[in-house]
Amino acid sequence: QPTTNNQQLISVGDVTTQKLLQAGIAPKLAIIDHLVGRALIQEWSTPTIKVANPPGQISKDLILAIEKSLKSGKNQTILVKGEEDLATIPAILLAPLGTNVVYGQPKKGAVLVNVNLEIKNKLYKLLESYMSS
């Protein structure tokens, strides 16, 4: 079983999470949907939490699952029925400062975000402008 030296790591996406695990790095929280490029892949992980989240949305259930997982103190895997692509946003907003969030950019690689006040403020402003339009 892979272990990690960094208990403050969140991964979003199946390929990203699989690559981390293959490298011996177990994220504190993994958010997956058993889809790659909208194609169903073989189930490869046993989730600790299952939640519905429609494509192109961020459901309240997903937000609450991320919050619960981060507070649990245990490594968790959230399996999203629908789509996990936008889960990066609530993961960053709910994560403690200093947490690393890794998510995939299809056909480009992975993006690493170190959670700090600047990135949280940018996301809050983005959501605020979206909600007011």
N, C-alpha and C. Protein backbone atom coordinates (compact mmCIF):
# COMPACT_ATOMS: atom_id res chain seq x y z
N GLN A 1 0.84 -1.19 0.00
CA GLN A 1 0.00 0.00 0.00
C GLN A 1 0.88 1.24 0.00
N PRO A 2 0.67 2.13 -1.00
CA PRO A 2 1.49 3.35 -1.03
C PRO A 2 1.24 4.23 0.18
N THR A 3 2.27 4.91 0.59
CA THR A 3 2.13 5.88 1.66
C THR A 3 2.62 7.22 1.14
N THR A 4 2.37 8.25 1.88
CA THR A 4 2.80 9.57 1.45
C THR A 4 3.47 10.29 2.61
N ASN A 5 4.44 11.10 2.27
CA ASN A 5 5.06 11.97 3.27
C ASN A 5 4.25 13.24 3.42
N ASN A 6 3.34 13.48 2.47
CA ASN A 6 2.59 14.72 2.46
C ASN A 6 1.12 14.43 2.73
N GLN A 7 0.71 14.56 3.96
CA GLN A 7 -0.68 14.31 4.32
C GLN A 7 -1.59 15.46 3.87
N GLN A 8 -1.03 16.49 3.25
CA GLN A 8 -1.83 17.61 2.80
C GLN A 8 -1.87 17.63 1.28
N LEU A 9 -2.35 16.52 0.69
CA LEU A 9 -2.42 16.40 -0.76
C LEU A 9 -3.81 15.94 -1.15
N ILE A 10 -4.40 16.66 -2.11
CA ILE A 10 -5.71 16.31 -2.67
C ILE A 10 -5.50 16.08 -4.16
N SER A 11 -6.03 14.98 -4.67
CA SER A 11 -5.97 14.74 -6.11
C SER A 11 -7.39 14.70 -6.67
N VAL A 12 -7.53 15.27 -7.86
CA VAL A 12 -8.82 15.27 -8.54
C VAL A 12 -8.61 14.63 -9.91
N GLY A 13 -9.35 13.55 -10.14
CA GLY A 13 -9.28 12.86 -11.43
C GLY A 13 -8.68 11.48 -11.30
N ASP A 14 -9.16 10.57 -12.13
CA ASP A 14 -8.71 9.18 -12.07
C ASP A 14 -7.27 9.01 -12.49
N VAL A 15 -6.89 9.58 -13.63
CA VAL A 15 -5.52 9.40 -14.12
C VAL A 15 -4.53 10.05 -13.15
N THR A 16 -4.83 11.24 -12.70
CA THR A 16 -3.96 11.94 -11.75
C THR A 16 -3.77 11.11 -10.49
N THR A 17 -4.86 10.61 -9.95
CA THR A 17 -4.79 9.82 -8.72
C THR A 17 -4.02 8.52 -8.95
N GLN A 18 -4.29 7.84 -10.06
CA GLN A 18 -3.59 6.60 -10.37
C GLN A 18 -2.09 6.84 -10.49
N LYS A 19 -1.69 7.91 -11.16
CA LYS A 19 -0.25 8.22 -11.33
C LYS A 19 0.41 8.49 -9.98
N LEU A 20 -0.27 9.21 -9.11
CA LEU A 20 0.28 9.46 -7.77
C LEU A 20 0.46 8.15 -7.00
N LEU A 21 -0.56 7.30 -7.04
CA LEU A 21 -0.48 6.03 -6.33
C LEU A 21 0.64 5.15 -6.89
N GLN A 22 0.80 5.15 -8.22
CA GLN A 22 1.88 4.38 -8.84
C GLN A 22 3.25 4.89 -8.40
N ALA A 23 3.32 6.18 -8.08
CA ALA A 23 4.58 6.77 -7.62
C ALA A 23 4.76 6.59 -6.10
N GLY A 24 3.82 5.91 -5.45
CA GLY A 24 3.92 5.68 -4.02
C GLY A 24 3.40 6.81 -3.16
N ILE A 25 2.59 7.68 -3.75
CA ILE A 25 2.05 8.84 -3.04
C ILE A 25 0.54 8.65 -2.89
N ALA A 26 0.08 8.53 -1.66
CA ALA A 26 -1.34 8.36 -1.38
C ALA A 26 -1.93 9.70 -0.94
N PRO A 27 -2.81 10.28 -1.74
CA PRO A 27 -3.41 11.56 -1.35
C PRO A 27 -4.26 11.44 -0.09
N LYS A 28 -4.32 12.52 0.65
CA LYS A 28 -5.22 12.61 1.80
C LYS A 28 -6.66 12.47 1.32
N LEU A 29 -6.95 13.09 0.18
CA LEU A 29 -8.28 13.01 -0.42
C LEU A 29 -8.12 12.82 -1.92
N ALA A 30 -8.78 11.81 -2.46
CA ALA A 30 -8.82 11.58 -3.91
C ALA A 30 -10.28 11.72 -4.35
N ILE A 31 -10.49 12.48 -5.42
CA ILE A 31 -11.84 12.66 -5.96
C ILE A 31 -11.82 12.10 -7.38
N ILE A 32 -12.60 11.05 -7.60
CA ILE A 32 -12.58 10.33 -8.87
C ILE A 32 -14.00 10.10 -9.37
N ASP A 33 -14.13 9.69 -10.65
CA ASP A 33 -15.45 9.36 -11.17
C ASP A 33 -15.46 8.09 -12.04
N HIS A 34 -14.32 7.38 -12.10
CA HIS A 34 -14.17 6.18 -12.93
C HIS A 34 -14.45 6.48 -14.40
N LEU A 35 -14.15 7.73 -14.80
CA LEU A 35 -14.26 8.13 -16.20
C LEU A 35 -12.95 8.78 -16.62
N VAL A 36 -12.53 8.51 -17.85
CA VAL A 36 -11.39 9.21 -18.44
C VAL A 36 -11.85 9.70 -19.81
N GLY A 37 -11.84 11.02 -19.99
CA GLY A 37 -12.32 11.58 -21.26
C GLY A 37 -13.75 11.18 -21.55
N ARG A 38 -14.58 11.17 -20.55
CA ARG A 38 -16.00 10.81 -20.62
C ARG A 38 -16.26 9.33 -20.89
N ALA A 39 -15.20 8.53 -20.95
CA ALA A 39 -15.35 7.09 -21.17
C ALA A 39 -15.18 6.36 -19.84
N LEU A 40 -16.09 5.44 -19.58
CA LEU A 40 -16.04 4.65 -18.35
C LEU A 40 -14.81 3.76 -18.37
N ILE A 41 -14.10 3.75 -17.25
CA ILE A 41 -12.94 2.86 -17.11
C ILE A 41 -13.26 1.82 -16.04
N GLN A 42 -12.45 0.80 -15.99
CA GLN A 42 -12.65 -0.25 -15.00
C GLN A 42 -12.53 0.35 -13.60
N GLU A 43 -13.42 -0.07 -12.71
CA GLU A 43 -13.34 0.40 -11.33
C GLU A 43 -12.04 -0.07 -10.73
N TRP A 44 -11.26 0.83 -10.22
CA TRP A 44 -9.92 0.52 -9.71
C TRP A 44 -9.72 0.92 -8.26
N SER A 45 -10.72 1.57 -7.68
CA SER A 45 -10.57 2.06 -6.32
C SER A 45 -11.86 1.83 -5.55
N THR A 46 -11.73 1.59 -4.26
CA THR A 46 -12.89 1.44 -3.40
C THR A 46 -13.14 2.78 -2.71
N PRO A 47 -14.23 3.44 -3.07
CA PRO A 47 -14.49 4.75 -2.46
C PRO A 47 -14.93 4.65 -1.01
N THR A 48 -14.63 5.68 -0.25
CA THR A 48 -15.12 5.76 1.12
C THR A 48 -16.42 6.56 1.16
N ILE A 49 -16.63 7.40 0.16
CA ILE A 49 -17.85 8.21 0.06
C ILE A 49 -18.29 8.21 -1.40
N LYS A 50 -19.59 8.08 -1.63
CA LYS A 50 -20.16 8.20 -2.98
C LYS A 50 -21.09 9.40 -2.99
N VAL A 51 -21.02 10.18 -4.06
CA VAL A 51 -21.81 11.40 -4.12
C VAL A 51 -22.20 11.68 -5.57
N ALA A 52 -23.37 12.27 -5.76
CA ALA A 52 -23.82 12.65 -7.09
C ALA A 52 -23.39 14.09 -7.38
N ASN A 53 -22.94 14.32 -8.60
CA ASN A 53 -22.58 15.67 -9.04
C ASN A 53 -22.77 15.73 -10.55
N PRO A 54 -23.80 16.46 -11.02
CA PRO A 54 -24.05 16.52 -12.46
C PRO A 54 -22.89 17.18 -13.22
N PRO A 55 -22.69 16.79 -14.47
CA PRO A 55 -21.64 17.42 -15.29
C PRO A 55 -21.80 18.94 -15.34
N GLY A 56 -20.67 19.65 -15.25
CA GLY A 56 -20.67 21.10 -15.35
C GLY A 56 -21.21 21.82 -14.13
N GLN A 57 -21.36 21.10 -13.02
CA GLN A 57 -21.92 21.71 -11.82
C GLN A 57 -21.07 21.34 -10.60
N ILE A 58 -21.33 22.04 -9.51
CA ILE A 58 -20.75 21.71 -8.21
C ILE A 58 -21.92 21.55 -7.26
N SER A 59 -22.25 20.31 -6.93
CA SER A 59 -23.42 20.05 -6.09
C SER A 59 -23.09 20.31 -4.61
N LYS A 60 -24.15 20.62 -3.87
CA LYS A 60 -24.01 20.79 -2.43
C LYS A 60 -23.49 19.51 -1.79
N ASP A 61 -23.96 18.35 -2.29
CA ASP A 61 -23.51 17.07 -1.76
C ASP A 61 -22.01 16.88 -1.95
N LEU A 62 -21.48 17.32 -3.10
CA LEU A 62 -20.03 17.21 -3.34
C LEU A 62 -19.27 18.10 -2.37
N ILE A 63 -19.73 19.32 -2.19
CA ILE A 63 -19.08 20.24 -1.26
C ILE A 63 -19.06 19.65 0.15
N LEU A 64 -20.20 19.12 0.59
CA LEU A 64 -20.28 18.55 1.94
C LEU A 64 -19.40 17.31 2.08
N ALA A 65 -19.30 16.51 1.02
CA ALA A 65 -18.45 15.31 1.06
C ALA A 65 -16.98 15.70 1.17
N ILE A 66 -16.57 16.73 0.44
CA ILE A 66 -15.18 17.21 0.51
C ILE A 66 -14.89 17.72 1.92
N GLU A 67 -15.81 18.53 2.44
CA GLU A 67 -15.62 19.08 3.79
C GLU A 67 -15.52 17.96 4.83
N LYS A 68 -16.42 16.99 4.76
CA LYS A 68 -16.41 15.86 5.70
C LYS A 68 -15.12 15.06 5.59
N SER A 69 -14.67 14.82 4.37
CA SER A 69 -13.44 14.04 4.15
C SER A 69 -12.23 14.75 4.73
N LEU A 70 -12.13 16.05 4.51
CA LEU A 70 -10.98 16.79 5.00
C LEU A 70 -10.95 16.85 6.53
N LYS A 71 -12.12 16.82 7.14
CA LYS A 71 -12.19 16.87 8.61
C LYS A 71 -11.98 15.50 9.25
N SER A 72 -12.05 14.43 8.46
CA SER A 72 -12.04 13.08 9.02
C SER A 72 -10.70 12.67 9.63
N GLY A 73 -9.61 13.26 9.13
CA GLY A 73 -8.30 12.85 9.62
C GLY A 73 -7.79 11.57 8.97
N LYS A 74 -8.57 10.97 8.08
CA LYS A 74 -8.19 9.73 7.41
C LYS A 74 -8.07 9.98 5.90
N ASN A 75 -7.31 9.13 5.23
CA ASN A 75 -7.29 9.18 3.77
C ASN A 75 -8.65 8.75 3.26
N GLN A 76 -9.19 9.52 2.34
CA GLN A 76 -10.54 9.28 1.83
C GLN A 76 -10.54 9.29 0.31
N THR A 77 -11.49 8.56 -0.28
CA THR A 77 -11.72 8.61 -1.72
C THR A 77 -13.20 8.89 -1.95
N ILE A 78 -13.47 9.96 -2.68
CA ILE A 78 -14.84 10.30 -3.04
C ILE A 78 -15.06 9.83 -4.48
N LEU A 79 -16.09 8.99 -4.67
CA LEU A 79 -16.48 8.58 -6.02
C LEU A 79 -17.67 9.42 -6.42
N VAL A 80 -17.51 10.16 -7.50
CA VAL A 80 -18.55 11.05 -7.99
C VAL A 80 -19.33 10.33 -9.08
N LYS A 81 -20.63 10.28 -8.93
CA LYS A 81 -21.50 9.77 -9.99
C LYS A 81 -21.93 11.00 -10.77
N GLY A 82 -21.44 11.10 -11.97
CA GLY A 82 -21.67 12.29 -12.79
C GLY A 82 -20.32 12.76 -13.30
N GLU A 83 -19.81 13.83 -12.70
CA GLU A 83 -18.53 14.38 -13.16
C GLU A 83 -17.80 15.06 -12.01
N GLU A 84 -16.48 14.83 -11.94
CA GLU A 84 -15.68 15.40 -10.86
C GLU A 84 -14.82 16.58 -11.32
N ASP A 85 -14.95 16.98 -12.58
CA ASP A 85 -14.05 17.99 -13.14
C ASP A 85 -13.98 19.29 -12.34
N LEU A 86 -15.10 19.78 -11.86
CA LEU A 86 -15.11 21.06 -11.14
C LEU A 86 -14.85 20.90 -9.64
N ALA A 87 -14.60 19.68 -9.18
CA ALA A 87 -14.36 19.45 -7.75
C ALA A 87 -13.10 20.15 -7.26
N THR A 88 -12.22 20.51 -8.17
CA THR A 88 -11.01 21.23 -7.78
C THR A 88 -11.35 22.53 -7.07
N ILE A 89 -12.41 23.20 -7.51
CA ILE A 89 -12.76 24.50 -6.93
C ILE A 89 -13.13 24.37 -5.45
N PRO A 90 -14.13 23.55 -5.08
CA PRO A 90 -14.41 23.44 -3.64
C PRO A 90 -13.26 22.80 -2.86
N ALA A 91 -12.48 21.93 -3.51
CA ALA A 91 -11.34 21.32 -2.81
C ALA A 91 -10.35 22.40 -2.39
N ILE A 92 -10.05 23.33 -3.28
CA ILE A 92 -9.13 24.42 -2.96
C ILE A 92 -9.73 25.34 -1.89
N LEU A 93 -11.01 25.67 -2.05
CA LEU A 93 -11.64 26.59 -1.11
C LEU A 93 -11.75 26.00 0.29
N LEU A 94 -11.93 24.69 0.40
CA LEU A 94 -12.11 24.06 1.71
C LEU A 94 -10.81 23.55 2.33
N ALA A 95 -9.78 23.41 1.53
CA ALA A 95 -8.51 22.86 2.02
C ALA A 95 -7.79 23.84 2.94
N PRO A 96 -7.09 23.31 3.94
CA PRO A 96 -6.27 24.18 4.78
C PRO A 96 -5.15 24.82 3.96
N LEU A 97 -4.72 26.00 4.38
CA LEU A 97 -3.60 26.66 3.72
C LEU A 97 -2.39 25.73 3.73
N GLY A 98 -1.67 25.71 2.63
CA GLY A 98 -0.49 24.86 2.53
C GLY A 98 -0.77 23.52 1.88
N THR A 99 -2.04 23.18 1.70
CA THR A 99 -2.40 21.93 1.04
C THR A 99 -2.02 22.02 -0.44
N ASN A 100 -1.60 20.91 -1.00
CA ASN A 100 -1.36 20.82 -2.44
C ASN A 100 -2.54 20.11 -3.09
N VAL A 101 -3.06 20.70 -4.16
CA VAL A 101 -4.14 20.10 -4.93
C VAL A 101 -3.60 19.83 -6.32
N VAL A 102 -3.76 18.58 -6.78
CA VAL A 102 -3.28 18.18 -8.10
C VAL A 102 -4.49 17.74 -8.92
N TYR A 103 -4.59 18.26 -10.14
CA TYR A 103 -5.66 17.86 -11.04
C TYR A 103 -5.11 17.75 -12.45
N GLY A 104 -5.79 16.99 -13.27
CA GLY A 104 -5.31 16.76 -14.63
C GLY A 104 -5.82 17.78 -15.62
N GLN A 105 -4.97 18.08 -16.58
CA GLN A 105 -5.34 18.86 -17.75
C GLN A 105 -5.26 17.89 -18.93
N PRO A 106 -6.39 17.47 -19.48
CA PRO A 106 -6.36 16.48 -20.55
C PRO A 106 -5.39 16.84 -21.68
N LYS A 107 -4.59 15.84 -22.05
CA LYS A 107 -3.60 15.93 -23.12
C LYS A 107 -2.45 16.90 -22.82
N LYS A 108 -2.39 17.41 -21.57
CA LYS A 108 -1.32 18.33 -21.20
C LYS A 108 -0.51 17.85 -20.01
N GLY A 109 -1.15 17.21 -19.06
CA GLY A 109 -0.45 16.77 -17.86
C GLY A 109 -1.22 17.13 -16.61
N ALA A 110 -0.50 17.32 -15.53
CA ALA A 110 -1.11 17.63 -14.24
C ALA A 110 -0.76 19.05 -13.81
N VAL A 111 -1.65 19.64 -13.05
CA VAL A 111 -1.46 20.97 -12.51
C VAL A 111 -1.40 20.84 -10.99
N LEU A 112 -0.40 21.47 -10.39
CA LEU A 112 -0.24 21.48 -8.94
C LEU A 112 -0.56 22.88 -8.43
N VAL A 113 -1.49 22.96 -7.50
CA VAL A 113 -1.85 24.24 -6.88
C VAL A 113 -1.52 24.15 -5.40
N ASN A 114 -0.69 25.07 -4.92
CA ASN A 114 -0.45 25.18 -3.49
C ASN A 114 -1.48 26.15 -2.95
N VAL A 115 -2.31 25.67 -2.04
CA VAL A 115 -3.42 26.48 -1.53
C VAL A 115 -2.88 27.58 -0.63
N ASN A 116 -3.17 28.83 -1.04
CA ASN A 116 -2.80 29.99 -0.24
C ASN A 116 -3.95 31.00 -0.30
N LEU A 117 -3.82 32.08 0.43
CA LEU A 117 -4.91 33.07 0.46
C LEU A 117 -5.15 33.70 -0.91
N GLU A 118 -4.10 33.90 -1.67
CA GLU A 118 -4.25 34.52 -2.99
C GLU A 118 -5.12 33.66 -3.91
N ILE A 119 -4.86 32.37 -3.97
CA ILE A 119 -5.65 31.50 -4.85
C ILE A 119 -7.08 31.36 -4.33
N LYS A 120 -7.26 31.29 -3.01
CA LYS A 120 -8.61 31.23 -2.46
C LYS A 120 -9.39 32.50 -2.81
N ASN A 121 -8.75 33.67 -2.66
CA ASN A 121 -9.42 34.93 -2.99
C ASN A 121 -9.79 35.01 -4.46
N LYS A 122 -8.92 34.53 -5.35
CA LYS A 122 -9.23 34.52 -6.79
C LYS A 122 -10.46 33.67 -7.07
N LEU A 123 -10.52 32.50 -6.44
CA LEU A 123 -11.67 31.63 -6.65
C LEU A 123 -12.95 32.24 -6.08
N TYR A 124 -12.88 32.84 -4.89
CA TYR A 124 -14.05 33.50 -4.32
C TYR A 124 -14.56 34.60 -5.27
N LYS A 125 -13.65 35.41 -5.79
CA LYS A 125 -14.05 36.49 -6.70
C LYS A 125 -14.66 35.93 -7.98
N LEU A 126 -14.08 34.86 -8.50
CA LEU A 126 -14.62 34.21 -9.69
C LEU A 126 -16.03 33.72 -9.44
N LEU A 127 -16.24 33.03 -8.33
CA LEU A 127 -17.59 32.53 -8.01
C LEU A 127 -18.55 33.68 -7.74
N GLU A 128 -18.08 34.71 -7.06
CA GLU A 128 -18.91 35.86 -6.77
C GLU A 128 -19.39 36.55 -8.06
N SER A 129 -18.48 36.72 -9.02
CA SER A 129 -18.85 37.35 -10.28
C SER A 129 -19.81 36.47 -11.08
N TYR A 130 -19.62 35.16 -10.99
CA TYR A 130 -20.51 34.23 -11.67
C TYR A 130 -21.91 34.29 -11.06
N MET A 131 -21.98 34.34 -9.73
CA MET A 131 -23.26 34.34 -9.05
C MET A 131 -24.03 35.65 -9.25
N SER A 132 -23.31 36.75 -9.48
CA SER A 132 -23.98 38.04 -9.63
C SER A 132 -24.36 38.34 -11.08
N SER A 133 -23.97 37.46 -12.00
CA SER A 133 -24.31 37.74 -13.42
C SER A 133 -25.58 37.04 -13.84
